[in-house]
């Protein structure tokens, strides 16, 4: 072989190598992960999601790439974010804890697989046709936020038996969750003989304003609605509740861990892990239509005894025994 021919072959191989490398890189599936909270506040949940992926045989950065999109309460950014994921035809869209993100994804594509986590019935939300056989491009987890409302309100009443006027803070930007929470709280409050005041908050300043209204109207306890943005502001909630002397019940243990009085609800980390498992199954070839909706059975009641003492509350022994965890 002539020297010129050898050089031509080598040059061709060198030119082809970057193309081959790029082809290998683009063959790694991309998962678009969308959450209403913030990366810092939800770091534990993101870890649980990756754990689920690992259980299904996938490791972020090795054989799958997860793109994390944190809305930090900016629900108005969601349509554009989802549209971008759809236009790039990511392998799967994961919305582990957000009804708005799940509905936006479902509205944006009928072909890209979606794995959601929602607190209400996904059939009623229009995400799937059937719990056993979803029948479309979406499946996921139902973690029963609505069903846990009466239980959480009952625990708060038992903890603060003298409170008759209860404030409820919702995020109206999270429309479905806000509406269901308002409805369920008022229904449960009627059974308990409580008066309810609904307050809206969509940002940091509005949370401050809501607490000012609570103090002004002399509400005696507080019920905080599930919301990804609220979770990211959990320290603000706990601080303002302590400052204003308002015993509060929260939907997630993350609030109790930073000084919130108590929480009751499904374990969010378990839901994120289950979403990760289903994403992995879909990457392995399973069809969302054939993956039944998983239903969370793990609920936890966390009580911050230190905060209870600061409020001067006499915690009944029955509540201490009922708590899954007591923070002292």
Protein backbone atom coordinates (compact mmCIF):
# COMPACT_ATOMS: atom_id res chain seq x y z
CA UNK A 1 0.00 0.00 0.00
CA UNK A 2 1.29 3.46 -0.90
CA UNK A 3 2.09 5.98 1.79
CA UNK A 4 -0.59 8.39 0.48
CA UNK A 5 -3.25 5.65 0.69
CA UNK A 6 -2.22 4.82 4.27
CA UNK A 7 -2.50 8.49 5.27
CA UNK A 8 -5.92 8.73 3.61
CA UNK A 9 -7.19 5.71 5.55
CA UNK A 10 -5.83 7.07 8.83
CA UNK A 11 -7.31 10.48 8.15
CA UNK A 12 -10.70 8.91 7.37
CA UNK A 13 -10.60 6.91 10.59
CA UNK A 14 -9.70 9.99 12.60
CA UNK A 15 -12.57 11.92 11.07
CA UNK A 16 -14.99 9.07 11.70
CA UNK A 17 -14.00 8.61 15.36
CA UNK A 18 -15.61 11.81 16.72
CA UNK A 19 -18.80 10.94 14.81
CA UNK A 20 -18.81 7.46 16.34
CA UNK A 21 -18.18 8.92 19.79
CA UNK A 22 -21.03 11.40 19.36
CA UNK A 23 -23.33 8.62 18.16
CA UNK A 24 -22.47 6.60 21.24
CA UNK A 25 -23.14 9.59 23.49
CA UNK A 26 -26.51 10.39 21.90
CA UNK A 27 -27.58 6.77 22.31
CA UNK A 28 -27.67 7.31 26.08
CA UNK A 29 -31.34 8.04 26.91
CA UNK A 30 -32.27 11.41 28.38
CA UNK A 31 -34.87 11.66 31.14
CA UNK A 32 -36.49 15.04 31.70
CA UNK A 33 -37.18 15.44 35.44
CA UNK A 34 -39.53 18.29 36.38
CA UNK A 35 -40.30 19.38 39.96
CA UNK A 36 -42.05 22.44 41.36
CA UNK A 37 -39.56 22.88 44.22
CA UNK A 38 -35.87 23.72 44.38
CA UNK A 39 -32.76 21.61 43.97
CA UNK A 40 -31.53 22.34 47.51
CA UNK A 41 -34.85 21.69 49.24
CA UNK A 42 -35.53 18.51 47.30
CA UNK A 43 -32.02 17.01 47.23
CA UNK A 44 -33.13 14.07 49.39
CA UNK A 45 -36.00 13.33 47.01
CA UNK A 46 -33.76 13.50 43.94
CA UNK A 47 -31.49 10.97 45.64
CA UNK A 48 -34.50 8.69 46.18
CA UNK A 49 -35.40 9.02 42.48
CA UNK A 50 -31.87 7.99 41.49
CA UNK A 51 -32.09 5.07 43.90
CA UNK A 52 -35.17 3.85 42.03
CA UNK A 53 -33.33 4.20 38.72
CA UNK A 54 -30.44 2.20 40.16
CA UNK A 55 -32.81 -0.58 41.25
CA UNK A 56 -33.95 -0.82 37.63
CA UNK A 57 -30.36 -0.99 36.36
CA UNK A 58 -29.68 2.66 35.48
CA UNK A 59 -27.09 5.08 36.83
CA UNK A 60 -27.26 8.78 36.06
CA UNK A 61 -24.19 9.75 34.04
CA UNK A 62 -23.36 6.20 33.01
CA UNK A 63 -26.21 4.67 31.00
CA UNK A 64 -28.81 7.42 31.41
CA UNK A 65 -28.72 11.21 31.61
CA UNK A 66 -31.20 12.91 33.93
CA UNK A 67 -31.90 16.57 33.23
CA UNK A 68 -33.22 18.17 36.42
CA UNK A 69 -35.59 21.10 35.99
CA UNK A 70 -36.53 22.87 39.24
CA UNK A 71 -39.36 25.41 38.95
CA UNK A 72 -38.90 26.96 42.43
CA UNK A 73 -42.61 27.80 42.47
CA UNK A 74 -42.59 29.44 39.02
CA UNK A 75 -45.48 27.44 37.59
CA UNK A 76 -45.70 29.89 34.69
CA UNK A 77 -42.40 28.47 33.38
CA UNK A 78 -43.79 24.97 33.17
CA UNK A 79 -45.42 24.95 29.68
CA UNK A 80 -42.24 26.20 28.00
CA UNK A 81 -40.07 23.76 29.93
CA UNK A 82 -42.28 20.80 29.01
CA UNK A 83 -42.47 21.96 25.38
CA UNK A 84 -38.68 22.00 25.18
CA UNK A 85 -38.43 18.43 26.50
CA UNK A 86 -41.04 17.27 23.98
CA UNK A 87 -39.35 19.05 21.07
CA UNK A 88 -36.07 17.28 21.91
CA UNK A 89 -37.89 13.96 22.20
CA UNK A 90 -36.42 12.91 25.52
CA UNK A 91 -36.83 9.23 26.36
CA UNK A 92 -39.07 9.78 29.40
CA UNK A 93 -40.59 12.74 31.24
CA UNK A 94 -40.66 12.27 35.03
CA UNK A 95 -42.91 14.46 37.18
CA UNK A 96 -42.56 12.77 40.59
CA UNK A 97 -44.57 15.16 42.77
CA UNK A 98 -46.46 17.72 40.72
CA UNK A 99 -49.99 17.66 39.33
CA UNK A 100 -49.42 20.78 37.16
CA UNK A 101 -46.27 19.27 35.62
CA UNK A 102 -48.00 15.94 35.06
CA UNK A 103 -51.01 17.56 33.37
CA UNK A 104 -48.76 19.81 31.27
CA UNK A 105 -46.73 16.84 30.08
CA UNK A 106 -49.86 14.84 29.26
CA UNK A 107 -51.25 17.78 27.28
CA UNK A 108 -47.98 18.26 25.39
CA UNK A 109 -47.36 14.71 24.15
CA UNK A 110 -49.22 11.48 23.51
CA UNK A 111 -46.10 9.54 22.51
CA UNK A 112 -43.26 10.28 24.95
CA UNK A 113 -43.63 8.15 28.11
CA UNK A 114 -44.56 10.07 31.26
CA UNK A 115 -44.08 8.80 34.82
CA UNK A 116 -45.89 10.96 37.35
CA UNK A 117 -46.45 11.25 41.08
CA UNK A 118 -49.76 12.88 42.05
CA UNK A 119 -51.70 13.29 45.26
CA UNK A 120 -55.15 12.89 43.67
CA UNK A 121 -56.86 10.15 41.64
CA UNK A 122 -55.04 10.10 38.25
CA UNK A 123 -58.19 8.81 36.53
CA UNK A 124 -60.19 11.84 37.71
CA UNK A 125 -57.30 14.08 36.68
CA UNK A 126 -57.46 12.62 33.16
CA UNK A 127 -53.91 11.27 33.23
CA UNK A 128 -54.89 7.62 32.74
CA UNK A 129 -57.95 5.65 31.70
CA UNK A 130 -57.67 2.96 34.34
CA UNK A 131 -55.57 2.32 37.45
CA UNK A 132 -54.77 -1.29 36.54
CA UNK A 133 -54.10 -0.63 32.85
CA UNK A 134 -53.41 3.07 32.24
CA UNK A 135 -53.79 2.60 28.51
CA UNK A 136 -51.82 5.59 27.23
CA UNK A 137 -48.36 7.08 27.45
CA UNK A 138 -48.52 7.86 31.20
CA UNK A 139 -48.31 5.90 34.43
CA UNK A 140 -46.99 6.54 37.91
CA UNK A 141 -47.81 6.84 41.60
CA UNK A 142 -50.79 8.09 43.58
CA UNK A 143 -49.72 9.22 47.06
CA UNK A 144 -53.18 10.21 48.37
CA UNK A 145 -52.74 13.82 49.51
CA UNK A 146 -56.49 14.44 49.51
CA UNK A 147 -57.25 11.33 51.55
CA UNK A 148 -54.70 12.29 54.21
CA UNK A 149 -56.28 15.71 54.89
CA UNK A 150 -58.86 14.58 57.51
CA UNK A 151 -56.25 12.51 59.34
CA UNK A 152 -53.75 15.39 59.49
CA UNK A 153 -56.43 17.84 60.61
CA UNK A 154 -57.55 15.39 63.28
CA UNK A 155 -54.02 15.05 64.61
CA UNK A 156 -53.69 18.84 64.77
CA UNK A 157 -56.98 19.09 66.66
CA UNK A 158 -55.82 16.44 69.13
CA UNK A 159 -52.55 18.32 69.61
CA UNK A 160 -54.26 21.70 70.04
CA UNK A 161 -57.72 20.75 71.34
CA UNK A 162 -58.71 24.31 72.26
CA UNK A 163 -58.20 25.72 68.74
CA UNK A 164 -61.45 26.46 66.93
CA UNK A 165 -60.29 28.88 64.22
CA UNK A 166 -57.91 27.32 61.70
CA UNK A 167 -56.06 29.05 58.87
CA UNK A 168 -55.24 27.15 55.68
CA UNK A 169 -52.48 28.33 53.34
CA UNK A 170 -52.71 27.16 49.72
CA UNK A 171 -50.80 28.00 46.54
CA UNK A 172 -53.40 29.03 43.91
CA UNK A 173 -50.80 28.57 41.15
CA UNK A 174 -50.96 24.85 41.97
CA UNK A 175 -54.62 24.83 40.98
CA UNK A 176 -55.66 21.19 41.34
CA UNK A 177 -53.95 20.67 44.71
CA UNK A 178 -55.18 24.00 46.06
CA UNK A 179 -58.80 23.25 45.11
CA UNK A 180 -58.78 19.73 46.52
CA UNK A 181 -57.07 20.79 49.75
CA UNK A 182 -59.54 23.64 50.30
CA UNK A 183 -62.50 21.35 49.69
CA UNK A 184 -61.24 18.50 51.89
CA UNK A 185 -60.17 20.76 54.77
CA UNK A 186 -63.51 22.53 54.88
CA UNK A 187 -65.37 19.23 54.80
CA UNK A 188 -63.24 17.76 57.60
CA UNK A 189 -63.37 21.00 59.59
CA UNK A 190 -67.16 20.91 59.52
CA UNK A 191 -67.10 17.44 61.08
CA UNK A 192 -64.68 18.66 63.75
CA UNK A 193 -66.60 21.87 64.46
CA UNK A 194 -63.77 24.14 63.27
CA UNK A 195 -63.93 27.49 61.48
CA UNK A 196 -61.70 27.76 58.40
CA UNK A 197 -59.94 30.75 56.84
CA UNK A 198 -58.34 30.12 53.43
CA UNK A 199 -55.24 32.19 52.58
CA UNK A 200 -53.32 32.31 49.29
CA UNK A 201 -49.54 32.47 48.84
CA UNK A 202 -47.57 32.11 45.63
CA UNK A 203 -44.26 33.65 46.68
CA UNK A 204 -42.04 34.46 49.66
CA UNK A 205 -43.62 37.86 50.35
CA UNK A 206 -47.12 36.40 50.14
CA UNK A 207 -46.21 33.78 52.75
CA UNK A 208 -45.17 36.66 55.02
CA UNK A 209 -48.47 38.41 54.25
CA UNK A 210 -50.46 35.24 54.98
CA UNK A 211 -48.90 34.95 58.44
CA UNK A 212 -49.63 38.61 59.08
CA UNK A 213 -53.27 37.93 58.25
CA UNK A 214 -53.27 34.86 60.51
CA UNK A 215 -52.02 36.98 63.41
CA UNK A 216 -54.44 39.80 62.62
CA UNK A 217 -57.45 37.48 62.39
CA UNK A 218 -56.32 35.58 65.50
CA UNK A 219 -56.38 32.12 63.93
CA UNK A 220 -55.42 29.52 66.53
CA UNK A 221 -53.77 26.89 64.33
CA UNK A 222 -52.52 26.45 60.77
CA UNK A 223 -52.87 23.80 58.06
CA UNK A 224 -50.37 24.05 55.17
CA UNK A 225 -51.34 22.58 51.79
CA UNK A 226 -49.01 20.24 49.88
CA UNK A 227 -46.94 22.22 47.38
CA UNK A 228 -43.43 21.89 45.98
CA UNK A 229 -42.72 25.60 46.36
CA UNK A 230 -43.93 25.57 49.96
CA UNK A 231 -41.49 22.75 50.70
CA UNK A 232 -38.66 24.92 49.39
CA UNK A 233 -39.79 27.64 51.87
CA UNK A 234 -40.21 25.26 54.83
CA UNK A 235 -37.74 27.14 57.04
CA UNK A 236 -39.71 30.34 56.43
CA UNK A 237 -42.94 28.57 57.42
CA UNK A 238 -41.46 27.07 60.60
CA UNK A 239 -39.84 30.37 61.60
CA UNK A 240 -42.98 32.44 61.08
CA UNK A 241 -45.14 29.87 62.86
CA UNK A 242 -42.81 29.99 65.88
CA UNK A 243 -42.59 33.78 65.83
CA UNK A 244 -46.37 34.16 65.69
CA UNK A 245 -47.12 31.32 68.11
CA UNK A 246 -49.21 29.40 65.56
CA UNK A 247 -49.19 25.58 65.93
CA UNK A 248 -49.10 24.21 62.38
CA UNK A 249 -49.62 20.88 60.62
CA UNK A 250 -47.58 20.20 57.48
CA UNK A 251 -47.77 17.58 54.70
CA UNK A 252 -44.13 16.42 54.82
CA UNK A 253 -41.58 15.46 57.47
CA UNK A 254 -39.16 17.98 55.96
CA UNK A 255 -41.07 20.73 57.78
CA UNK A 256 -40.86 18.97 61.14
CA UNK A 257 -37.14 18.42 60.65
CA UNK A 258 -36.55 22.20 60.49
CA UNK A 259 -38.73 23.07 63.47
CA UNK A 260 -42.29 22.63 62.21
CA UNK A 261 -44.65 21.28 64.89
CA UNK A 262 -45.92 18.17 63.13
CA UNK A 263 -46.42 16.52 59.77
CA UNK A 264 -48.57 13.75 58.41
CA UNK A 265 -48.66 12.33 54.91
CA UNK A 266 -47.22 9.86 52.47
CA UNK A 267 -43.46 9.46 52.53
CA UNK A 268 -42.38 11.60 49.51
CA UNK A 269 -39.02 9.85 49.22
CA UNK A 270 -40.77 6.52 48.69
CA UNK A 271 -42.89 8.04 45.90
CA UNK A 272 -39.82 9.50 44.17
CA UNK A 273 -38.09 6.11 44.40
CA UNK A 274 -41.09 4.36 42.86
CA UNK A 275 -41.17 6.88 40.00
CA UNK A 276 -37.48 6.16 39.41
CA UNK A 277 -38.17 2.43 39.26
CA UNK A 278 -40.90 2.90 36.65
CA UNK A 279 -38.68 5.20 34.57
CA UNK A 280 -36.07 2.44 34.56
CA UNK A 281 -38.62 -0.17 33.55
CA UNK A 282 -39.73 1.98 30.63
CA UNK A 283 -36.12 2.48 29.55
CA UNK A 284 -35.86 -1.32 29.61
CA UNK A 285 -38.75 -1.59 27.17
CA UNK A 286 -41.91 -1.65 29.28
CA UNK A 287 -44.90 0.35 28.02
CA UNK A 288 -46.59 2.90 30.32
CA UNK A 289 -49.95 1.56 29.18
CA UNK A 290 -49.16 -1.80 30.78
CA UNK A 291 -47.68 -0.54 34.08
CA UNK A 292 -50.41 -0.27 36.75
CA UNK A 293 -50.66 2.83 38.90
CA UNK A 294 -48.73 2.30 42.12
CA UNK A 295 -50.48 3.43 45.29
CA UNK A 296 -48.47 4.61 48.26
CA UNK A 297 -49.16 2.70 51.46
CA UNK A 298 -46.40 4.27 53.58
CA UNK A 299 -47.67 7.22 55.62
CA UNK A 300 -45.82 8.84 58.50
CA UNK A 301 -46.69 11.04 61.45
CA UNK A 302 -43.70 13.07 62.65
CA UNK A 303 -43.91 15.17 65.80
CA UNK A 304 -41.36 17.79 66.85
CA UNK A 305 -41.55 17.59 70.64
CA UNK A 306 -39.11 20.45 71.10
CA UNK A 307 -41.41 22.75 69.13
CA UNK A 308 -44.45 21.47 71.02
CA UNK A 309 -42.75 22.40 74.31
CA UNK A 310 -41.89 25.85 72.94
CA UNK A 311 -45.59 26.34 72.18
CA UNK A 312 -46.45 25.19 75.70
CA UNK A 313 -48.46 22.24 74.40
CA UNK A 314 -49.19 19.27 76.59
CA UNK A 315 -48.78 16.40 74.13
CA UNK A 316 -51.12 13.48 74.93
CA UNK A 317 -49.33 10.16 75.49
CA UNK A 318 -51.49 8.62 72.79
CA UNK A 319 -50.06 11.00 70.19
CA UNK A 320 -46.51 10.23 71.30
CA UNK A 321 -47.21 6.53 70.87
CA UNK A 322 -48.90 7.08 67.50
CA UNK A 323 -45.99 9.10 66.06
CA UNK A 324 -43.70 7.28 63.66
CA UNK A 325 -40.93 9.61 64.79
CA UNK A 326 -40.60 12.06 67.67
CA UNK A 327 -37.95 14.77 67.25
CA UNK A 328 -36.65 15.79 70.68
